[in-house]
Amino acid sequence: MVSQHDVMMAQMVSGAGFIAALDQSGGSTPGALKAYGVAEGSWSSDAEMYELIHKMRVRIITAPSFNGAKVLAAILFEKTMDGQADGVPVPTALWNRGVVPFLKMDKGLEDEADGVQMMKPMPGLDELLARAKGLGVFGTKMRSVVKGVSQGGIARIVEQQFQIGEQIIGHGLMPILEPEVSLKMEGRAEAETILHDEILKHLDAMTGDRRVMLKLTIPAEADRYADLIGHHRVARVVALSGGYSRPDACAALAKNHGMIASFSRALLEDLRDGQSDEEFDRTLGAAIDEIYTASTVKN
């Protein structure tokens, strides 16, 4: 009998579509709510703020257009994972719609040093991963950032990503490794070459049947990551929008064969709290269609 994990794996490896990133954390939540049309004075505590963002996310994932036909997966903030939608845990609600649930599990970034921002320590990670697994989550995502051309710095963030990735795999979860390259940095193409080579080195050193996913900045040189996309240790390579508007992100993504979207702001940028449910779903559906096309139809 085919397991749920196997069905999810097949969808993530070969399904047509993209990943919705619904994982804004504490630091980025006020900005996400403001963009949605909820003024900063609308809450008086963090608990109220998180309740507002949870309502926004539930509205998204229960909209008729949000389903597995074009949205392969969704990345959740921890509090969203622990919440409910349609009267069931959010990961269950997603999978009921054919959308694979992932968890953003990093705790933010260290201060910049040697051209990069490493991930902060993650106390209690094993307990979090076990809880996520119990809720039906398929995988995780964790982010670090490259801000300068630094061989040593880039090597360290890639090593950290793969090291923690092994811990995640040990819990039976699929890690999405996200060493983001800042779009604003000078020497971006050179940094991407270093990043590519470091990732390839770690992929080639993996043993057993281990696989990872990669979430990368859309490269300055189209198809720069083609060999990573085809690597037998890579289940999927997805792209972050990185501050691009949706049209710009989709235009850049469409030049990269085999790379699909994992967009956050570019997916949600036209959604507003004051929209009727019909207008909200129509707007979300148009964004989903545009990102789906860029993920599946290549120039």
Protein backbone atom coordinates (compact mmCIF):
# COMPACT_ATOMS: atom_id res chain seq x y z
CA MET A 1 0.00 0.00 0.00
CA VAL A 2 1.32 3.45 -0.93
CA SER A 3 1.86 5.66 2.13
CA GLN A 4 0.83 9.29 2.48
CA HIS A 5 4.53 10.18 2.66
CA ASP A 6 5.15 8.47 -0.69
CA VAL A 7 2.24 10.32 -2.30
CA MET A 8 3.54 13.64 -0.98
CA MET A 9 7.07 12.79 -2.14
CA ALA A 10 5.88 12.03 -5.66
CA GLN A 11 3.96 15.32 -5.77
CA MET A 12 6.99 17.32 -4.62
CA VAL A 13 9.41 15.59 -7.01
CA SER A 14 7.37 15.64 -10.20
CA GLY A 15 4.13 17.57 -9.69
CA ALA A 16 3.33 20.59 -11.86
CA GLY A 17 2.91 23.72 -9.76
CA PHE A 18 4.66 25.78 -7.09
CA ILE A 19 5.04 26.25 -3.33
CA ALA A 20 3.20 29.00 -1.47
CA ALA A 21 5.35 30.52 1.29
CA LEU A 22 2.97 31.50 4.11
CA ASP A 23 5.67 31.62 6.74
CA GLN A 24 6.15 35.23 7.82
CA SER A 25 7.49 35.08 11.38
CA GLY A 26 7.36 37.54 14.27
CA GLY A 27 9.68 40.14 12.78
CA SER A 28 7.99 40.26 9.40
CA THR A 29 4.39 39.86 10.56
CA PRO A 30 3.61 43.60 11.05
CA GLY A 31 4.80 44.34 7.51
CA ALA A 32 2.76 41.45 6.12
CA LEU A 33 -0.36 42.69 7.90
CA LYS A 34 0.22 46.28 6.74
CA ALA A 35 0.55 45.08 3.13
CA TYR A 36 -2.73 43.20 3.63
CA GLY A 37 -4.41 46.41 4.74
CA VAL A 38 -4.39 45.90 8.53
CA ALA A 39 -2.98 49.02 10.21
CA GLU A 40 -0.29 48.54 12.86
CA GLY A 41 -2.50 49.96 15.61
CA SER A 42 -5.11 47.25 15.05
CA TRP A 43 -3.60 44.98 17.72
CA SER A 44 -2.48 45.61 21.28
CA SER A 45 -0.41 42.49 21.88
CA ASP A 46 1.65 39.91 20.02
CA ALA A 47 -1.12 37.39 20.62
CA GLU A 48 -3.64 39.62 18.84
CA MET A 49 -1.16 40.25 16.01
CA TYR A 50 -0.64 36.52 15.50
CA GLU A 51 -4.40 35.95 15.56
CA LEU A 52 -4.80 38.50 12.74
CA ILE A 53 -2.09 36.90 10.59
CA HIS A 54 -3.58 33.48 11.28
CA LYS A 55 -6.96 34.67 10.02
CA MET A 56 -5.28 35.98 6.86
CA ARG A 57 -3.53 32.67 6.24
CA VAL A 58 -6.67 30.64 6.91
CA ARG A 59 -8.54 32.86 4.43
CA ILE A 60 -5.87 32.07 1.84
CA ILE A 61 -5.70 28.32 2.32
CA THR A 62 -9.50 27.91 2.44
CA ALA A 63 -10.12 30.02 -0.69
CA PRO A 64 -11.50 27.91 -3.57
CA SER A 65 -8.54 28.71 -5.85
CA PHE A 66 -5.99 27.47 -3.30
CA ASN A 67 -5.70 23.75 -3.95
CA GLY A 68 -3.32 21.09 -5.17
CA ALA A 69 -4.19 21.59 -8.83
CA LYS A 70 -1.57 24.36 -9.04
CA VAL A 71 -0.24 24.81 -5.47
CA LEU A 72 1.94 21.78 -4.69
CA ALA A 73 2.78 22.78 -1.12
CA ALA A 74 2.63 25.52 1.48
CA ILE A 75 5.29 26.56 4.02
CA LEU A 76 3.83 27.42 7.42
CA PHE A 77 4.97 29.49 10.38
CA GLU A 78 5.03 27.41 13.59
CA LYS A 79 2.00 29.14 15.08
CA THR A 80 0.07 28.52 11.86
CA MET A 81 1.00 24.83 11.95
CA ASP A 82 -0.37 24.65 15.50
CA GLY A 83 -3.61 26.39 14.56
CA GLN A 84 -6.77 25.17 12.86
CA ALA A 85 -8.61 25.75 9.59
CA ASP A 86 -11.92 24.21 8.54
CA GLY A 87 -12.12 22.76 12.06
CA VAL A 88 -8.97 20.63 11.72
CA PRO A 89 -5.23 21.22 12.21
CA VAL A 90 -3.84 23.42 9.43
CA PRO A 91 -1.52 20.68 8.01
CA THR A 92 -4.56 18.39 7.73
CA ALA A 93 -6.64 21.14 6.12
CA LEU A 94 -3.90 21.68 3.54
CA TRP A 95 -3.55 18.01 2.67
CA ASN A 96 -7.34 17.69 2.43
CA ARG A 97 -6.98 20.18 -0.45
CA GLY A 98 -4.06 18.29 -1.97
CA VAL A 99 -1.43 20.76 -0.72
CA VAL A 100 1.68 19.34 0.99
CA PRO A 101 2.46 21.03 4.36
CA PHE A 102 5.96 22.27 5.22
CA LEU A 103 7.18 24.09 8.35
CA LYS A 104 9.53 27.07 8.57
CA MET A 105 11.65 25.96 11.52
CA ASP A 106 14.59 28.36 11.78
CA LYS A 107 14.68 31.03 14.50
CA GLY A 108 15.99 33.90 12.41
CA LEU A 109 19.42 35.18 11.46
CA GLU A 110 22.62 36.08 13.24
CA ASP A 111 24.20 39.49 12.60
CA GLU A 112 26.15 39.70 9.36
CA ALA A 113 29.74 38.46 9.56
CA ASP A 114 32.14 37.65 6.73
CA GLY A 115 29.53 38.59 4.14
CA VAL A 116 26.81 36.21 5.37
CA GLN A 117 24.09 35.81 7.96
CA MET A 118 24.09 32.39 9.58
CA MET A 119 21.02 30.89 11.22
CA LYS A 120 20.58 31.42 14.95
CA PRO A 121 20.74 28.42 17.28
CA MET A 122 17.56 26.33 17.35
CA PRO A 123 17.04 24.97 20.87
CA GLY A 124 14.40 22.28 21.09
CA LEU A 125 14.68 21.47 17.39
CA ASP A 126 14.23 17.71 17.83
CA GLU A 127 11.03 18.25 19.79
CA LEU A 128 9.70 20.68 17.16
CA LEU A 129 10.49 18.26 14.32
CA ALA A 130 8.79 15.39 16.15
CA ARG A 131 5.69 17.55 16.74
CA ALA A 132 5.60 18.61 13.09
CA LYS A 133 5.89 15.00 11.96
CA GLY A 134 3.02 14.06 14.26
CA LEU A 135 0.84 16.77 12.71
CA GLY A 136 1.39 15.40 9.21
CA VAL A 137 4.01 17.90 8.06
CA PHE A 138 6.11 16.56 5.17
CA GLY A 139 9.16 18.79 5.39
CA THR A 140 10.81 21.94 6.70
CA LYS A 141 12.42 25.13 5.44
CA MET A 142 15.30 27.13 6.91
CA ARG A 143 16.92 30.32 5.62
CA SER A 144 20.33 31.97 5.75
CA VAL A 145 21.57 34.86 3.59
CA VAL A 146 24.61 35.69 1.45
CA LYS A 147 25.32 39.43 1.31
CA GLY A 148 28.92 39.48 0.04
CA VAL A 149 31.39 37.58 -2.12
CA SER A 150 33.02 35.49 0.58
CA GLN A 151 34.31 32.00 -0.07
CA GLY A 152 34.63 31.24 3.64
CA GLY A 153 31.31 32.76 4.64
CA ILE A 154 29.36 31.01 1.90
CA ALA A 155 31.06 27.71 2.72
CA ARG A 156 29.96 28.08 6.36
CA ILE A 157 26.29 28.78 5.64
CA VAL A 158 26.11 25.86 3.21
CA GLU A 159 27.76 23.58 5.77
CA GLN A 160 25.29 24.73 8.44
CA GLN A 161 22.33 24.14 6.12
CA PHE A 162 23.41 20.60 5.24
CA GLN A 163 24.37 19.73 8.82
CA ILE A 164 20.93 20.67 10.17
CA GLY A 165 19.38 19.12 7.07
CA GLU A 166 20.78 15.75 8.17
CA GLN A 167 19.08 16.20 11.54
CA ILE A 168 15.78 16.92 9.79
CA ILE A 169 16.13 13.88 7.53
CA GLY A 170 16.67 11.82 10.68
CA HIS A 171 13.11 12.68 11.70
CA GLY A 172 11.73 11.43 8.38
CA LEU A 173 11.16 14.96 7.05
CA MET A 174 12.27 16.60 3.80
CA PRO A 175 14.50 19.66 4.38
CA ILE A 176 14.31 22.69 2.11
CA LEU A 177 17.73 24.32 2.36
CA GLU A 178 17.56 28.06 1.66
CA PRO A 179 20.90 29.88 1.35
CA GLU A 180 19.47 33.08 -0.13
CA VAL A 181 21.69 35.40 -2.19
CA SER A 182 20.66 39.03 -1.71
CA LEU A 183 19.50 40.71 -4.92
CA LYS A 184 21.03 43.96 -3.67
CA MET A 185 24.61 42.72 -3.30
CA GLU A 186 27.50 43.58 -5.59
CA GLY A 187 29.14 40.61 -7.28
CA ARG A 188 25.97 38.54 -7.14
CA ALA A 189 26.91 36.27 -10.05
CA GLU A 190 30.29 35.52 -8.47
CA ALA A 191 28.65 34.71 -5.14
CA GLU A 192 26.21 32.40 -6.92
CA THR A 193 29.11 30.52 -8.51
CA ILE A 194 30.70 29.97 -5.10
CA LEU A 195 27.32 28.94 -3.66
CA HIS A 196 26.71 26.51 -6.51
CA ASP A 197 30.07 24.83 -6.03
CA GLU A 198 29.66 24.52 -2.27
CA ILE A 199 26.18 23.03 -2.60
CA LEU A 200 27.39 20.57 -5.23
CA LYS A 201 30.25 19.48 -2.98
CA HIS A 202 27.85 18.66 -0.15
CA LEU A 203 25.35 16.93 -2.44
CA ASP A 204 28.09 14.68 -3.81
CA ALA A 205 29.13 13.75 -0.25
CA MET A 206 25.64 12.60 0.79
CA THR A 207 25.16 8.87 1.37
CA GLY A 208 22.33 6.36 1.50
CA ASP A 209 19.01 7.41 0.02
CA ARG A 210 19.06 10.94 1.48
CA ARG A 211 17.60 13.80 -0.59
CA VAL A 212 17.05 17.50 -0.02
CA MET A 213 15.21 20.35 -1.66
CA LEU A 214 16.88 23.67 -2.40
CA LYS A 215 15.31 27.14 -2.25
CA LEU A 216 17.52 29.61 -4.10
CA THR A 217 17.45 33.16 -5.36
CA ILE A 218 16.58 33.27 -9.07
CA PRO A 219 20.13 33.38 -10.50
CA ALA A 220 21.66 36.29 -12.39
CA GLU A 221 22.61 33.85 -15.15
CA ALA A 222 19.61 31.83 -16.37
CA ASP A 223 19.84 28.07 -15.76
CA ARG A 224 22.88 28.55 -13.50
CA TYR A 225 21.57 25.79 -11.24
CA ALA A 226 20.58 23.33 -13.98
CA ASP A 227 22.98 20.62 -12.77
CA LEU A 228 21.69 20.98 -9.20
CA ILE A 229 18.12 20.57 -10.47
CA GLY A 230 19.15 17.34 -12.17
CA HIS A 231 21.22 16.01 -9.26
CA HIS A 232 20.03 12.67 -7.88
CA ARG A 233 20.23 14.03 -4.31
CA VAL A 234 17.87 16.94 -5.09
CA ALA A 235 14.11 16.36 -4.95
CA ARG A 236 13.29 19.85 -6.26
CA VAL A 237 14.80 23.31 -6.68
CA VAL A 238 12.47 26.18 -5.89
CA ALA A 239 12.92 29.93 -6.21
CA LEU A 240 12.33 32.71 -3.72
CA SER A 241 11.00 36.02 -5.02
CA GLY A 242 13.58 37.99 -3.02
CA GLY A 243 11.88 41.37 -3.24
CA TYR A 244 10.95 41.18 -6.91
CA SER A 245 7.40 42.21 -7.82
CA ARG A 246 5.33 39.29 -9.05
CA PRO A 247 5.64 40.19 -12.78
CA ASP A 248 9.42 40.59 -12.48
CA ALA A 249 9.80 37.42 -10.41
CA CYS A 250 7.73 35.41 -12.86
CA ALA A 251 9.61 36.78 -15.88
CA ALA A 252 12.95 35.84 -14.32
CA LEU A 253 11.72 32.44 -13.15
CA ALA A 254 10.41 31.52 -16.60
CA LYS A 255 14.00 31.64 -17.93
CA ASN A 256 15.13 28.89 -15.52
CA HIS A 257 14.18 25.42 -16.70
CA GLY A 258 13.09 22.97 -14.01
CA MET A 259 12.95 25.67 -11.29
CA ILE A 260 9.56 26.33 -9.68
CA ALA A 261 8.39 29.17 -7.46
CA SER A 262 8.23 29.34 -3.70
CA PHE A 263 6.91 32.89 -3.44
CA SER A 264 5.59 34.83 -0.46
CA ARG A 265 5.20 38.56 -1.09
CA ALA A 266 4.93 38.03 -4.84
CA LEU A 267 1.97 35.69 -4.23
CA LEU A 268 0.17 37.84 -1.66
CA GLU A 269 0.92 41.38 -2.84
CA ASP A 270 -2.57 42.16 -4.24
CA LEU A 271 -4.62 40.59 -1.42
CA ARG A 272 -6.43 42.95 0.96
CA ASP A 273 -8.41 42.48 4.16
CA GLY A 274 -11.29 44.60 2.84
CA GLN A 275 -11.88 42.53 -0.29
CA SER A 276 -15.08 40.51 -0.52
CA ASP A 277 -14.56 36.77 -0.48
CA GLU A 278 -15.31 36.65 -4.21
CA GLU A 279 -12.84 39.43 -5.02
CA PHE A 280 -10.24 37.92 -2.70
CA ASP A 281 -10.45 34.53 -4.39
CA ARG A 282 -10.42 36.06 -7.87
CA THR A 283 -7.29 38.07 -6.99
CA LEU A 284 -5.58 35.08 -5.38
CA GLY A 285 -6.51 32.87 -8.32
CA ALA A 286 -4.99 35.30 -10.80
CA ALA A 287 -1.73 35.34 -8.81
CA ILE A 288 -1.71 31.54 -8.59
CA ASP A 289 -2.24 31.26 -12.35
CA GLU A 290 0.61 33.67 -13.12
CA ILE A 291 3.08 31.94 -10.79
CA TYR A 292 1.99 28.48 -11.96
CA THR A 293 2.65 29.47 -15.58
CA ALA A 294 6.14 30.80 -14.76
CA SER A 295 6.86 27.57 -12.90
CA THR A 296 5.70 25.25 -15.65
CA VAL A 297 6.07 27.08 -19.00
CA LYS A 298 9.68 28.06 -19.70
CA ASN A 299 11.21 30.45 -22.20
